């Protein structure tokens, strides 16, 4: 039963990511004369990766 719950949770997360990936939103960083545009989905993935890496570095 526990494995079924985790499997359903994994599928629900995949659906949320798929729906969120089709968002037309973007993030723009401006530091004159430079400008960086990226999708909101990529920005969120990069922030999550940075959080996990930071946690891993601080835990060791």
PDB file of N, CA and C in Angstrom:
ATOM      1  N   UNK A   1       0.824  -1.187   0.000  1.00  0.00           N
ATOM      2  CA  UNK A   1       0.000   0.000   0.000  1.00  0.00           C
ATOM      3  C   UNK A   1       0.875   1.260   0.000  1.00  0.00           C
ATOM      4  N   UNK A   2       1.973   1.194   0.741  1.00  0.00           N
ATOM      5  CA  UNK A   2       2.861   2.343   0.829  1.00  0.00           C
ATOM      6  C   UNK A   2       3.489   2.644  -0.535  1.00  0.00           C
ATOM      7  N   UNK A   3       3.866   1.585  -1.265  1.00  0.00           N
ATOM      8  CA  UNK A   3       4.464   1.781  -2.585  1.00  0.00           C
ATOM      9  C   UNK A   3       3.462   2.379  -3.570  1.00  0.00           C
ATOM     10  N   UNK A   4       2.219   1.998  -3.451  1.00  0.00           N
ATOM     11  CA  UNK A   4       1.175   2.562  -4.309  1.00  0.00           C
ATOM     12  C   UNK A   4       1.016   4.052  -4.038  1.00  0.00           C
ATOM     13  N   UNK A   5       1.067   4.450  -2.782  1.00  0.00           N
ATOM     14  CA  UNK A   5       0.976   5.866  -2.429  1.00  0.00           C
ATOM     15  C   UNK A   5       2.128   6.654  -3.043  1.00  0.00           C
ATOM     16  N   UNK A   6       3.351   6.146  -2.926  1.00  0.00           N
ATOM     17  CA  UNK A   6       4.511   6.843  -3.477  1.00  0.00           C
ATOM     18  C   UNK A   6       4.463   6.889  -5.002  1.00  0.00           C
ATOM     19  N   UNK A   7       3.961   5.839  -5.618  1.00  0.00           N
ATOM     20  CA  UNK A   7       3.835   5.810  -7.069  1.00  0.00           C
ATOM     21  C   UNK A   7       2.810   6.845  -7.535  1.00  0.00           C
ATOM     22  N   UNK A   8       1.690   6.927  -6.850  1.00  0.00           N
ATOM     23  CA  UNK A   8       0.690   7.943  -7.187  1.00  0.00           C
ATOM     24  C   UNK A   8       1.226   9.351  -6.959  1.00  0.00           C
ATOM     25  N   UNK A   9       1.979   9.541  -5.912  1.00  0.00           N
ATOM     26  CA  UNK A   9       2.584  10.838  -5.640  1.00  0.00           C
ATOM     27  C   UNK A   9       3.589  11.214  -6.730  1.00  0.00           C
ATOM     28  N   UNK A  10       4.366  10.246  -7.188  1.00  0.00           N
ATOM     29  CA  UNK A  10       5.317  10.482  -8.266  1.00  0.00           C
ATOM     30  C   UNK A  10       4.599  10.854  -9.557  1.00  0.00           C
ATOM     31  N   UNK A  11       3.533  10.147  -9.903  1.00  0.00           N
ATOM     32  CA  UNK A  11       2.770  10.476 -11.093  1.00  0.00           C
ATOM     33  C   UNK A  11       2.117  11.855 -10.989  1.00  0.00           C
ATOM     34  N   UNK A  12       1.621  12.205  -9.818  1.00  0.00           N
ATOM     35  CA  UNK A  12       1.017  13.523  -9.625  1.00  0.00           C
ATOM     36  C   UNK A  12       2.071  14.620  -9.795  1.00  0.00           C
ATOM     37  N   UNK A  13       3.269  14.387  -9.292  1.00  0.00           N
ATOM     38  CA  UNK A  13       4.346  15.363  -9.461  1.00  0.00           C
ATOM     39  C   UNK A  13       4.718  15.507 -10.931  1.00  0.00           C
ATOM     40  N   UNK A  14       4.720  14.399 -11.666  1.00  0.00           N
ATOM     41  CA  UNK A  14       5.032  14.454 -13.091  1.00  0.00           C
ATOM     42  C   UNK A  14       3.973  15.254 -13.850  1.00  0.00           C
ATOM     43  N   UNK A  15       2.727  15.106 -13.481  1.00  0.00           N
ATOM     44  CA  UNK A  15       1.651  15.872 -14.121  1.00  0.00           C
ATOM     45  C   UNK A  15       1.806  17.355 -13.826  1.00  0.00           C
ATOM     46  N   UNK A  16       2.118  17.697 -12.591  1.00  0.00           N
ATOM     47  CA  UNK A  16       2.292  19.104 -12.219  1.00  0.00           C
ATOM     48  C   UNK A  16       3.464  19.722 -12.977  1.00  0.00           C
ATOM     49  N   UNK A  17       4.560  19.001 -13.097  1.00  0.00           N
ATOM     50  CA  UNK A  17       5.723  19.510 -13.824  1.00  0.00           C
ATOM     51  C   UNK A  17       5.397  19.684 -15.300  1.00  0.00           C
ATOM     52  N   UNK A  18       4.680  18.740 -15.873  1.00  0.00           N
ATOM     53  CA  UNK A  18       4.313  18.830 -17.293  1.00  0.00           C
ATOM     54  C   UNK A  18       3.399  20.013 -17.554  1.00  0.00           C
ATOM     55  N   UNK A  19       2.425  20.212 -16.706  1.00  0.00           N
ATOM     56  CA  UNK A  19       1.517  21.355 -16.879  1.00  0.00           C
ATOM     57  C   UNK A  19       2.269  22.660 -16.671  1.00  0.00           C
ATOM     58  N   UNK A  20       3.146  22.699 -15.686  1.00  0.00           N
ATOM     59  CA  UNK A  20       3.917  23.908 -15.420  1.00  0.00           C
ATOM     60  C   UNK A  20       4.933  24.228 -16.498  1.00  0.00           C
ATOM     61  N   UNK A  21       5.391  23.212 -17.219  1.00  0.00           N
ATOM     62  CA  UNK A  21       6.392  23.418 -18.262  1.00  0.00           C
ATOM     63  C   UNK A  21       5.819  24.144 -19.470  1.00  0.00           C
ATOM     64  N   UNK A  22       4.518  24.131 -19.628  1.00  0.00           N
ATOM     65  CA  UNK A  22       3.897  24.795 -20.770  1.00  0.00           C
ATOM     66  C   UNK A  22       3.522  26.243 -20.454  1.00  0.00           C
ATOM     67  N   UNK A  23       4.023  26.749 -19.370  1.00  0.00           N
ATOM     68  CA  UNK A  23       3.743  28.125 -18.979  1.00  0.00           C
ATOM     69  C   UNK A  23       4.552  29.097 -19.841  1.00  0.00           C
ATOM     70  N   UNK A  24       3.932  30.160 -20.333  1.00  0.00           N
ATOM     71  CA  UNK A  24       4.674  31.128 -21.142  1.00  0.00           C
ATOM     72  C   UNK A  24       5.481  32.128 -20.307  1.00  0.00           C
ATOM     73  N   UNK A  25       5.489  31.949 -18.998  1.00  0.00           N
ATOM     74  CA  UNK A  25       6.184  32.899 -18.134  1.00  0.00           C
ATOM     75  C   UNK A  25       7.699  32.765 -18.278  1.00  0.00           C
ATOM     76  N   UNK A  26       8.397  33.856 -18.024  1.00  0.00           N
ATOM     77  CA  UNK A  26       9.846  33.831 -18.078  1.00  0.00           C
ATOM     78  C   UNK A  26      10.409  34.740 -16.997  1.00  0.00           C
ATOM     79  N   UNK A  27      11.691  34.558 -16.732  1.00  0.00           N
ATOM     80  CA  UNK A  27      12.411  35.354 -15.737  1.00  0.00           C
ATOM     81  C   UNK A  27      13.492  36.120 -16.476  1.00  0.00           C
ATOM     82  N   UNK A  28      13.639  37.398 -16.142  1.00  0.00           N
ATOM     83  CA  UNK A  28      14.643  38.216 -16.808  1.00  0.00           C
ATOM     84  C   UNK A  28      15.514  38.898 -15.751  1.00  0.00           C
ATOM     85  N   UNK A  29      16.811  38.721 -15.881  1.00  0.00           N
ATOM     86  CA  UNK A  29      17.785  39.400 -15.028  1.00  0.00           C
ATOM     87  C   UNK A  29      18.474  40.457 -15.870  1.00  0.00           C
ATOM     88  N   UNK A  30      18.524  41.679 -15.349  1.00  0.00           N
ATOM     89  CA  UNK A  30      19.138  42.781 -16.089  1.00  0.00           C
ATOM     90  C   UNK A  30      20.247  43.384 -15.246  1.00  0.00           C
ATOM     91  N   UNK A  31      21.422  43.406 -15.825  1.00  0.00           N
ATOM     92  CA  UNK A  31      22.564  44.101 -15.241  1.00  0.00           C
ATOM     93  C   UNK A  31      23.231  44.812 -16.406  1.00  0.00           C
ATOM     94  N   UNK A  32      22.932  46.110 -16.569  1.00  0.00           N
ATOM     95  CA  UNK A  32      23.361  46.820 -17.791  1.00  0.00           C
ATOM     96  C   UNK A  32      24.850  46.642 -18.058  1.00  0.00           C
ATOM     97  N   UNK A  33      25.233  46.335 -19.243  1.00  0.00           N
ATOM     98  CA  UNK A  33      24.492  46.204 -20.501  1.00  0.00           C
ATOM     99  C   UNK A  33      24.051  44.773 -20.801  1.00  0.00           C
ATOM    100  N   UNK A  34      23.996  43.892 -19.795  1.00  0.00           N
ATOM    101  CA  UNK A  34      23.659  42.491 -20.020  1.00  0.00           C
ATOM    102  C   UNK A  34      22.202  42.220 -19.649  1.00  0.00           C
ATOM    103  N   UNK A  35      21.625  41.220 -20.322  1.00  0.00           N
ATOM    104  CA  UNK A  35      20.269  40.791 -20.018  1.00  0.00           C
ATOM    105  C   UNK A  35      20.197  39.278 -20.215  1.00  0.00           C
ATOM    106  N   UNK A  36      19.658  38.580 -19.236  1.00  0.00           N
ATOM    107  CA  UNK A  36      19.519  37.129 -19.303  1.00  0.00           C
ATOM    108  C   UNK A  36      18.042  36.787 -19.194  1.00  0.00           C
ATOM    109  N   UNK A  37      17.501  36.105 -20.214  1.00  0.00           N
ATOM    110  CA  UNK A  37      16.120  35.638 -20.208  1.00  0.00           C
ATOM    111  C   UNK A  37      16.127  34.122 -20.111  1.00  0.00           C
ATOM    112  N   UNK A  38      15.270  33.581 -19.256  1.00  0.00           N
ATOM    113  CA  UNK A  38      15.118  32.130 -19.171  1.00  0.00           C
ATOM    114  C   UNK A  38      13.677  31.816 -18.794  1.00  0.00           C
ATOM    115  N   UNK A  39      13.259  30.615 -19.102  1.00  0.00           N
ATOM    116  CA  UNK A  39      11.892  30.221 -18.782  1.00  0.00           C
ATOM    117  C   UNK A  39      11.743  30.070 -17.267  1.00  0.00           C
ATOM    118  N   UNK A  40      10.530  30.232 -16.807  1.00  0.00           N
ATOM    119  CA  UNK A  40      10.260  30.096 -15.380  1.00  0.00           C
ATOM    120  C   UNK A  40      10.534  28.673 -14.913  1.00  0.00           C
ATOM    121  N   UNK A  41      10.235  27.699 -15.757  1.00  0.00           N
ATOM    122  CA  UNK A  41      10.475  26.297 -15.407  1.00  0.00           C
ATOM    123  C   UNK A  41      11.963  26.026 -15.211  1.00  0.00           C
ATOM    124  N   UNK A  42      12.792  26.533 -16.123  1.00  0.00           N
ATOM    125  CA  UNK A  42      14.238  26.363 -15.980  1.00  0.00           C
ATOM    126  C   UNK A  42      14.746  27.060 -14.727  1.00  0.00           C
ATOM    127  N   UNK A  43      14.236  28.240 -14.435  1.00  0.00           N
ATOM    128  CA  UNK A  43      14.653  28.984 -13.243  1.00  0.00           C
ATOM    129  C   UNK A  43      14.321  28.206 -11.970  1.00  0.00           C
ATOM    130  N   UNK A  44      13.119  27.642 -11.904  1.00  0.00           N
ATOM    131  CA  UNK A  44      12.710  26.879 -10.722  1.00  0.00           C
ATOM    132  C   UNK A  44      13.571  25.631 -10.573  1.00  0.00           C
ATOM    133  N   UNK A  45      13.851  24.937 -11.691  1.00  0.00           N
ATOM    134  CA  UNK A  45      14.713  23.753 -11.637  1.00  0.00           C
ATOM    135  C   UNK A  45      16.118  24.118 -11.164  1.00  0.00           C
ATOM    136  N   UNK A  46      16.647  25.228 -11.643  1.00  0.00           N
ATOM    137  CA  UNK A  46      17.979  25.655 -11.225  1.00  0.00           C
ATOM    138  C   UNK A  46      18.006  26.046  -9.747  1.00  0.00           C
ATOM    139  N   UNK A  47      16.950  26.668  -9.269  1.00  0.00           N
ATOM    140  CA  UNK A  47      16.893  27.038  -7.856  1.00  0.00           C
ATOM    141  C   UNK A  47      16.795  25.802  -6.965  1.00  0.00           C
ATOM    142  N   UNK A  48      16.003  24.799  -7.390  1.00  0.00           N
ATOM    143  CA  UNK A  48      15.920  23.553  -6.627  1.00  0.00           C
ATOM    144  C   UNK A  48      17.266  22.831  -6.613  1.00  0.00           C
ATOM    145  N   UNK A  49      17.943  22.799  -7.747  1.00  0.00           N
ATOM    146  CA  UNK A  49      19.261  22.177  -7.813  1.00  0.00           C
ATOM    147  C   UNK A  49      20.245  22.903  -6.899  1.00  0.00           C
ATOM    148  N   UNK A  50      20.216  24.235  -6.912  1.00  0.00           N
ATOM    149  CA  UNK A  50      21.101  25.013  -6.045  1.00  0.00           C
ATOM    150  C   UNK A  50      20.789  24.742  -4.569  1.00  0.00           C
ATOM    151  N   UNK A  51      19.511  24.576  -4.240  1.00  0.00           N
ATOM    152  CA  UNK A  51      19.126  24.297  -2.862  1.00  0.00           C
ATOM    153  C   UNK A  51      19.664  22.933  -2.422  1.00  0.00           C
ATOM    154  N   UNK A  52      19.510  21.906  -3.291  1.00  0.00           N
ATOM    155  CA  UNK A  52      19.994  20.577  -2.940  1.00  0.00           C
ATOM    156  C   UNK A  52      21.513  20.539  -2.848  1.00  0.00           C
ATOM    157  N   UNK A  53      22.201  21.221  -3.748  1.00  0.00           N
ATOM    158  CA  UNK A  53      23.660  21.270  -3.693  1.00  0.00           C
ATOM    159  C   UNK A  53      24.115  22.003  -2.440  1.00  0.00           C
ATOM    160  N   UNK A  54      23.479  23.123  -2.123  1.00  0.00           N
ATOM    161  CA  UNK A  54      23.828  23.862  -0.908  1.00  0.00           C
ATOM    162  C   UNK A  54      23.595  23.058   0.350  1.00  0.00           C
ATOM    163  N   UNK A  55      22.484  22.320   0.361  1.00  0.00           N
ATOM    164  CA  UNK A  55      22.202  21.460   1.519  1.00  0.00           C
ATOM    165  C   UNK A  55      23.243  20.347   1.625  1.00  0.00           C
ATOM    166  N   UNK A  56      23.596  19.758   0.470  1.00  0.00           N
ATOM    167  CA  UNK A  56      24.594  18.697   0.473  1.00  0.00           C
ATOM    168  C   UNK A  56      25.955  19.183   0.928  1.00  0.00           C
ATOM    169  N   UNK A  57      26.333  20.384   0.522  1.00  0.00           N
ATOM    170  CA  UNK A  57      27.635  20.936   0.927  1.00  0.00           C
ATOM    171  C   UNK A  57      27.634  21.275   2.406  1.00  0.00           C
ATOM    172  N   UNK A  58      26.538  21.838   2.900  1.00  0.00           N
ATOM    173  CA  UNK A  58      26.506  22.238   4.314  1.00  0.00           C
ATOM    174  C   UNK A  58      26.357  21.024   5.233  1.00  0.00           C
ATOM    175  N   UNK A  59      25.776  19.929   4.740  1.00  0.00           N
ATOM    176  CA  UNK A  59      25.586  18.740   5.578  1.00  0.00           C
ATOM    177  C   UNK A  59      26.868  17.919   5.721  1.00  0.00           C
ATOM    178  N   UNK A  60      27.788  18.114   4.794  1.00  0.00           N
ATOM    179  CA  UNK A  60      29.007  17.283   4.859  1.00  0.00           C
ATOM    180  C   UNK A  60      30.140  17.969   5.581  1.00  0.00           C
TER     181      UNK A  60
END
